[in-house]
Amino acid sequence: VETYRGGIQQLLFGDILGISWSDLVVIGLLLLIALGYLALSLRAQVLLTLNSDLAGAFGVGASRHRLAFIVLLAVVVAVSIKAVGVLLISAFVVIPTCGGRLVSRHFPLYALISACLGGGCALLGLLGSGLTNLPSGPCVVIVQFAGFLLALLVSQMTPRPPATAVPAGRHSPGGDRGALESR
């Protein structure tokens, strides 16, 4: 990371094949820190995602967890700029998570599917880049987009229970955000 001397092309699109062993060590340590944080705060993160008031009732410090998540995300983005570039970072972060969300309604499975989709697409994109002699970052994003389309197709083919109205006198955990509750 400290040896980055690329031009505007590398800044925008990155050079995943140009990262050094020291960069890989930093990325590996960051991965371990992120996995450790997720393992230690999974319950709190799920509660905060579903209902911050409920999380507060269970003693979860919303501000502390949000700050830790934002700092961790900022460090991931900063470290990733050299590998994937400024323009492609959002695709690397958003596409696998959207694909995972389409096929899962449970947070642990959603996180696992998103990670597998991101990692698998990265490997396939790098392989495709090597075979076609095309830039690696855009190849990975194209494969991620294909994975997203596959997840979209699977979600359309998988039957989901319909949303049902909340019975009278019963409030949804989200407060007055809507009268429908997905089961």
C-alpha atoms as a PDB file:
ATOM      1  CA  VAL A   1       0.000   0.000   0.000  1.00  0.00           C
ATOM      2  CA  GLU A   2       2.799   2.437   0.870  1.00  0.00           C
ATOM      3  CA  THR A   3       4.591   1.749  -2.455  1.00  0.00           C
ATOM      4  CA  TYR A   4       1.728   2.895  -4.676  1.00  0.00           C
ATOM      5  CA  ARG A   5       2.992   5.075  -7.514  1.00  0.00           C
ATOM      6  CA  GLY A   6       0.416   4.450 -10.233  1.00  0.00           C
ATOM      7  CA  GLY A   7      -1.093   7.009 -12.570  1.00  0.00           C
ATOM      8  CA  ILE A   8      -4.686   8.080 -13.003  1.00  0.00           C
ATOM      9  CA  GLN A   9      -5.534   4.846 -14.866  1.00  0.00           C
ATOM     10  CA  GLN A  10      -4.400   2.714 -11.912  1.00  0.00           C
ATOM     11  CA  LEU A  11      -6.125   5.019  -9.424  1.00  0.00           C
ATOM     12  CA  LEU A  12      -9.458   4.753 -11.226  1.00  0.00           C
ATOM     13  CA  PHE A  13      -9.382   1.084 -12.237  1.00  0.00           C
ATOM     14  CA  GLY A  14      -6.705  -0.434  -9.993  1.00  0.00           C
ATOM     15  CA  ASP A  15      -4.284  -3.207 -10.808  1.00  0.00           C
ATOM     16  CA  ILE A  16      -5.128  -6.317  -8.844  1.00  0.00           C
ATOM     17  CA  LEU A  17      -2.230  -8.181 -10.430  1.00  0.00           C
ATOM     18  CA  GLY A  18       0.203  -5.464  -9.336  1.00  0.00           C
ATOM     19  CA  ILE A  19      -0.271  -5.753  -5.575  1.00  0.00           C
ATOM     20  CA  SER A  20       2.759  -6.847  -3.571  1.00  0.00           C
ATOM     21  CA  TRP A  21       3.171  -9.491  -0.885  1.00  0.00           C
ATOM     22  CA  SER A  22       3.151  -6.789   1.786  1.00  0.00           C
ATOM     23  CA  ASP A  23      -0.180  -5.575   0.387  1.00  0.00           C
ATOM     24  CA  LEU A  24      -1.514  -9.126   0.641  1.00  0.00           C
ATOM     25  CA  VAL A  25      -0.402  -9.313   4.275  1.00  0.00           C
ATOM     26  CA  VAL A  26      -2.245  -6.055   5.052  1.00  0.00           C
ATOM     27  CA  ILE A  27      -5.348  -7.322   3.222  1.00  0.00           C
ATOM     28  CA  GLY A  28      -5.149 -10.659   5.075  1.00  0.00           C
ATOM     29  CA  LEU A  29      -4.864  -8.924   8.453  1.00  0.00           C
ATOM     30  CA  LEU A  30      -7.784  -6.691   7.558  1.00  0.00           C
ATOM     31  CA  LEU A  31      -9.809  -9.777   6.622  1.00  0.00           C
ATOM     32  CA  LEU A  32      -9.055 -11.377   9.992  1.00  0.00           C
ATOM     33  CA  ILE A  33     -10.010  -8.178  11.830  1.00  0.00           C
ATOM     34  CA  ALA A  34     -13.270  -7.894   9.867  1.00  0.00           C
ATOM     35  CA  LEU A  35     -14.169 -11.553  10.468  1.00  0.00           C
ATOM     36  CA  GLY A  36     -13.350 -11.202  14.159  1.00  0.00           C
ATOM     37  CA  TYR A  37     -15.492  -8.090  14.453  1.00  0.00           C
ATOM     38  CA  LEU A  38     -18.370  -9.799  12.650  1.00  0.00           C
ATOM     39  CA  ALA A  39     -18.099 -12.909  14.831  1.00  0.00           C
ATOM     40  CA  LEU A  40     -18.049 -10.871  18.034  1.00  0.00           C
ATOM     41  CA  SER A  41     -20.828  -8.467  17.075  1.00  0.00           C
ATOM     42  CA  LEU A  42     -23.122 -10.540  14.844  1.00  0.00           C
ATOM     43  CA  ARG A  43     -26.073 -10.448  17.250  1.00  0.00           C
ATOM     44  CA  ALA A  44     -25.697  -6.698  17.755  1.00  0.00           C
ATOM     45  CA  GLN A  45     -25.362  -6.054  14.015  1.00  0.00           C
ATOM     46  CA  VAL A  46     -28.509  -8.062  13.257  1.00  0.00           C
ATOM     47  CA  LEU A  47     -30.458  -6.222  15.972  1.00  0.00           C
ATOM     48  CA  LEU A  48     -29.234  -2.841  14.721  1.00  0.00           C
ATOM     49  CA  THR A  49     -30.165  -3.747  11.169  1.00  0.00           C
ATOM     50  CA  LEU A  50     -33.676  -4.849  12.124  1.00  0.00           C
ATOM     51  CA  ASN A  51     -34.579  -2.276  14.772  1.00  0.00           C
ATOM     52  CA  SER A  52     -32.230   0.130  16.525  1.00  0.00           C
ATOM     53  CA  ASP A  53     -34.728   0.777  19.338  1.00  0.00           C
ATOM     54  CA  LEU A  54     -34.949  -2.947  20.079  1.00  0.00           C
ATOM     55  CA  ALA A  55     -31.153  -3.169  19.964  1.00  0.00           C
ATOM     56  CA  GLY A  56     -30.970  -0.362  22.527  1.00  0.00           C
ATOM     57  CA  ALA A  57     -33.421  -2.224  24.760  1.00  0.00           C
ATOM     58  CA  PHE A  58     -31.071  -5.219  24.657  1.00  0.00           C
ATOM     59  CA  GLY A  59     -28.161  -3.009  25.707  1.00  0.00           C
ATOM     60  CA  VAL A  60     -26.488  -2.658  22.313  1.00  0.00           C
ATOM     61  CA  GLY A  61     -24.575   0.602  21.945  1.00  0.00           C
ATOM     62  CA  ALA A  62     -25.775   1.689  18.507  1.00  0.00           C
ATOM     63  CA  SER A  63     -23.349   4.599  18.145  1.00  0.00           C
ATOM     64  CA  ARG A  64     -20.345   2.482  19.076  1.00  0.00           C
ATOM     65  CA  HIS A  65     -21.227  -0.334  16.661  1.00  0.00           C
ATOM     66  CA  ARG A  66     -22.045   2.032  13.815  1.00  0.00           C
ATOM     67  CA  LEU A  67     -18.772   3.896  14.313  1.00  0.00           C
ATOM     68  CA  ALA A  68     -16.779   0.644  14.344  1.00  0.00           C
ATOM     69  CA  PHE A  69     -18.544  -0.533  11.178  1.00  0.00           C
ATOM     70  CA  ILE A  70     -17.962   2.764   9.349  1.00  0.00           C
ATOM     71  CA  VAL A  71     -14.279   2.859  10.344  1.00  0.00           C
ATOM     72  CA  LEU A  72     -13.802  -0.755   9.236  1.00  0.00           C
ATOM     73  CA  LEU A  73     -15.551  -0.060   5.925  1.00  0.00           C
ATOM     74  CA  ALA A  74     -13.416   3.056   5.356  1.00  0.00           C
ATOM     75  CA  VAL A  75     -10.210   1.085   5.973  1.00  0.00           C
ATOM     76  CA  VAL A  76     -11.362  -1.652   3.570  1.00  0.00           C
ATOM     77  CA  VAL A  77     -12.064   0.958   0.883  1.00  0.00           C
ATOM     78  CA  ALA A  78      -8.717   2.698   1.441  1.00  0.00           C
ATOM     79  CA  VAL A  79      -6.763  -0.558   1.221  1.00  0.00           C
ATOM     80  CA  SER A  80      -8.761  -1.706  -1.815  1.00  0.00           C
ATOM     81  CA  ILE A  81      -8.077   1.358  -3.971  1.00  0.00           C
ATOM     82  CA  LYS A  82      -4.712   0.026  -5.173  1.00  0.00           C
ATOM     83  CA  ALA A  83      -6.144  -3.371  -6.082  1.00  0.00           C
ATOM     84  CA  VAL A  84      -9.486  -2.497  -7.678  1.00  0.00           C
ATOM     85  CA  GLY A  85      -9.482   1.271  -8.167  1.00  0.00           C
ATOM     86  CA  VAL A  86     -11.806   4.010  -7.036  1.00  0.00           C
ATOM     87  CA  LEU A  87     -14.471   3.371  -9.676  1.00  0.00           C
ATOM     88  CA  LEU A  88     -14.756  -0.371  -9.094  1.00  0.00           C
ATOM     89  CA  ILE A  89     -14.796  -0.421  -5.276  1.00  0.00           C
ATOM     90  CA  SER A  90     -18.526   0.246  -5.104  1.00  0.00           C
ATOM     91  CA  ALA A  91     -19.203  -2.644  -7.484  1.00  0.00           C
ATOM     92  CA  PHE A  92     -16.995  -4.968  -5.411  1.00  0.00           C
ATOM     93  CA  VAL A  93     -18.852  -3.973  -2.234  1.00  0.00           C
ATOM     94  CA  VAL A  94     -22.430  -3.724  -3.526  1.00  0.00           C
ATOM     95  CA  ILE A  95     -22.925  -6.435  -6.176  1.00  0.00           C
ATOM     96  CA  PRO A  96     -22.153  -9.516  -4.026  1.00  0.00           C
ATOM     97  CA  THR A  97     -24.246  -8.207  -1.119  1.00  0.00           C
ATOM     98  CA  CYS A  98     -27.204  -7.472  -3.394  1.00  0.00           C
ATOM     99  CA  GLY A  99     -26.934 -10.933  -4.921  1.00  0.00           C
ATOM    100  CA  GLY A 100     -26.810 -12.538  -1.474  1.00  0.00           C
ATOM    101  CA  ARG A 101     -29.827 -10.530  -0.326  1.00  0.00           C
ATOM    102  CA  LEU A 102     -31.867 -11.723  -3.291  1.00  0.00           C
ATOM    103  CA  VAL A 103     -31.529 -15.390  -2.377  1.00  0.00           C
ATOM    104  CA  SER A 104     -31.519 -15.286   1.430  1.00  0.00           C
ATOM    105  CA  ARG A 105     -33.784 -13.874   4.120  1.00  0.00           C
ATOM    106  CA  HIS A 106     -31.607 -14.904   7.087  1.00  0.00           C
ATOM    107  CA  PHE A 107     -28.601 -12.759   8.003  1.00  0.00           C
ATOM    108  CA  PRO A 108     -25.955 -15.472   8.606  1.00  0.00           C
ATOM    109  CA  LEU A 109     -26.804 -17.213   5.321  1.00  0.00           C
ATOM    110  CA  TYR A 110     -26.971 -13.838   3.579  1.00  0.00           C
ATOM    111  CA  ALA A 111     -23.459 -12.962   4.786  1.00  0.00           C
ATOM    112  CA  LEU A 112     -22.117 -16.372   3.755  1.00  0.00           C
ATOM    113  CA  ILE A 113     -23.697 -16.243   0.291  1.00  0.00           C
ATOM    114  CA  SER A 114     -22.435 -12.685  -0.240  1.00  0.00           C
ATOM    115  CA  ALA A 115     -18.886 -13.642   0.745  1.00  0.00           C
ATOM    116  CA  CYS A 116     -18.929 -16.757  -1.445  1.00  0.00           C
ATOM    117  CA  LEU A 117     -20.377 -14.812  -4.377  1.00  0.00           C
ATOM    118  CA  GLY A 118     -17.734 -12.089  -4.007  1.00  0.00           C
ATOM    119  CA  GLY A 119     -14.817 -14.500  -3.607  1.00  0.00           C
ATOM    120  CA  GLY A 120     -15.961 -16.921  -6.303  1.00  0.00           C
ATOM    121  CA  CYS A 121     -16.597 -14.139  -8.792  1.00  0.00           C
ATOM    122  CA  ALA A 122     -13.193 -12.625  -8.031  1.00  0.00           C
ATOM    123  CA  LEU A 123     -11.482 -15.937  -8.800  1.00  0.00           C
ATOM    124  CA  LEU A 124     -13.506 -16.493 -11.974  1.00  0.00           C
ATOM    125  CA  GLY A 125     -12.930 -12.893 -13.074  1.00  0.00           C
ATOM    126  CA  LEU A 126      -9.171 -13.212 -12.576  1.00  0.00           C
ATOM    127  CA  LEU A 127      -9.171 -16.484 -14.505  1.00  0.00           C
ATOM    128  CA  GLY A 128     -11.190 -14.852 -17.291  1.00  0.00           C
ATOM    129  CA  SER A 129      -8.815 -11.901 -17.298  1.00  0.00           C
ATOM    130  CA  GLY A 130      -5.835 -14.198 -17.706  1.00  0.00           C
ATOM    131  CA  LEU A 131      -7.479 -16.177 -20.507  1.00  0.00           C
ATOM    132  CA  THR A 132      -8.733 -13.160 -22.470  1.00  0.00           C
ATOM    133  CA  ASN A 133      -5.878 -10.716 -21.725  1.00  0.00           C
ATOM    134  CA  LEU A 134      -8.395  -8.107 -20.502  1.00  0.00           C
ATOM    135  CA  PRO A 135      -8.014  -5.865 -17.412  1.00  0.00           C
ATOM    136  CA  SER A 136      -8.644  -7.856 -14.250  1.00  0.00           C
ATOM    137  CA  GLY A 137     -10.826  -5.390 -12.278  1.00  0.00           C
ATOM    138  CA  PRO A 138     -13.485  -4.927 -14.953  1.00  0.00           C
ATOM    139  CA  CYS A 139     -13.467  -8.689 -15.668  1.00  0.00           C
ATOM    140  CA  VAL A 140     -14.237  -9.391 -12.017  1.00  0.00           C
ATOM    141  CA  VAL A 141     -17.081  -6.848 -12.041  1.00  0.00           C
ATOM    142  CA  ILE A 142     -18.541  -8.420 -15.206  1.00  0.00           C
ATOM    143  CA  VAL A 143     -18.473 -11.857 -13.549  1.00  0.00           C
ATOM    144  CA  GLN A 144     -20.026 -10.357 -10.396  1.00  0.00           C
ATOM    145  CA  PHE A 145     -22.786  -8.850 -12.503  1.00  0.00           C
ATOM    146  CA  ALA A 146     -23.405 -12.257 -14.106  1.00  0.00           C
ATOM    147  CA  GLY A 147     -23.556 -13.742 -10.585  1.00  0.00           C
ATOM    148  CA  PHE A 148     -26.046 -11.056  -9.587  1.00  0.00           C
ATOM    149  CA  LEU A 149     -28.212 -11.875 -12.622  1.00  0.00           C
ATOM    150  CA  LEU A 150     -28.074 -15.567 -11.664  1.00  0.00           C
ATOM    151  CA  ALA A 151     -29.143 -14.677  -8.103  1.00  0.00           C
ATOM    152  CA  LEU A 152     -31.964 -12.568  -9.542  1.00  0.00           C
ATOM    153  CA  LEU A 153     -33.108 -15.508 -11.666  1.00  0.00           C
ATOM    154  CA  VAL A 154     -32.970 -17.866  -8.676  1.00  0.00           C
ATOM    155  CA  SER A 155     -34.937 -15.401  -6.542  1.00  0.00           C
ATOM    156  CA  GLN A 156     -37.627 -15.118  -9.227  1.00  0.00           C
ATOM    157  CA  MET A 157     -37.941 -18.901  -9.483  1.00  0.00           C
ATOM    158  CA  THR A 158     -38.022 -19.499  -5.713  1.00  0.00           C
ATOM    159  CA  PRO A 159     -41.504 -19.198  -4.196  1.00  0.00           C
ATOM    160  CA  ARG A 160     -41.718 -16.811  -1.255  1.00  0.00           C
ATOM    161  CA  PRO A 161     -44.514 -16.617   1.287  1.00  0.00           C
ATOM    162  CA  PRO A 162     -46.699 -13.568   0.644  1.00  0.00           C
ATOM    163  CA  ALA A 163     -46.573 -10.583   2.954  1.00  0.00           C
ATOM    164  CA  THR A 164     -49.385 -10.675   5.482  1.00  0.00           C
ATOM    165  CA  ALA A 165     -51.123  -7.889   7.351  1.00  0.00           C
ATOM    166  CA  VAL A 166     -50.253  -7.406  11.003  1.00  0.00           C
ATOM    167  CA  PRO A 167     -53.215  -8.472  13.173  1.00  0.00           C
ATOM    168  CA  ALA A 168     -55.134  -5.650  14.871  1.00  0.00           C
ATOM    169  CA  GLY A 169     -53.723  -4.663  18.227  1.00  0.00           C
ATOM    170  CA  ARG A 170     -50.271  -6.033  17.428  1.00  0.00           C
ATOM    171  CA  HIS A 171     -47.502  -3.625  16.520  1.00  0.00           C
ATOM    172  CA  SER A 172     -44.674  -4.570  14.229  1.00  0.00           C
ATOM    173  CA  PRO A 173     -41.166  -4.471  15.741  1.00  0.00           C
ATOM    174  CA  GLY A 174     -40.286  -1.573  13.419  1.00  0.00           C
ATOM    175  CA  GLY A 175     -42.873   0.747  14.924  1.00  0.00           C
ATOM    176  CA  ASP A 176     -45.241   2.502  12.533  1.00  0.00           C
ATOM    177  CA  ARG A 177     -43.134   1.923   9.422  1.00  0.00           C
ATOM    178  CA  GLY A 178     -45.838  -0.002   7.641  1.00  0.00           C
ATOM    179  CA  ALA A 179     -48.804  -2.256   8.090  1.00  0.00           C
ATOM    180  CA  LEU A 180     -47.253  -5.235   6.353  1.00  0.00           C
ATOM    181  CA  GLU A 181     -44.950  -7.720   7.965  1.00  0.00           C
ATOM    182  CA  SER A 182     -42.958 -10.231   5.937  1.00  0.00           C
ATOM    183  CA  ARG A 183     -42.911 -13.700   7.458  1.00  0.00           C
END
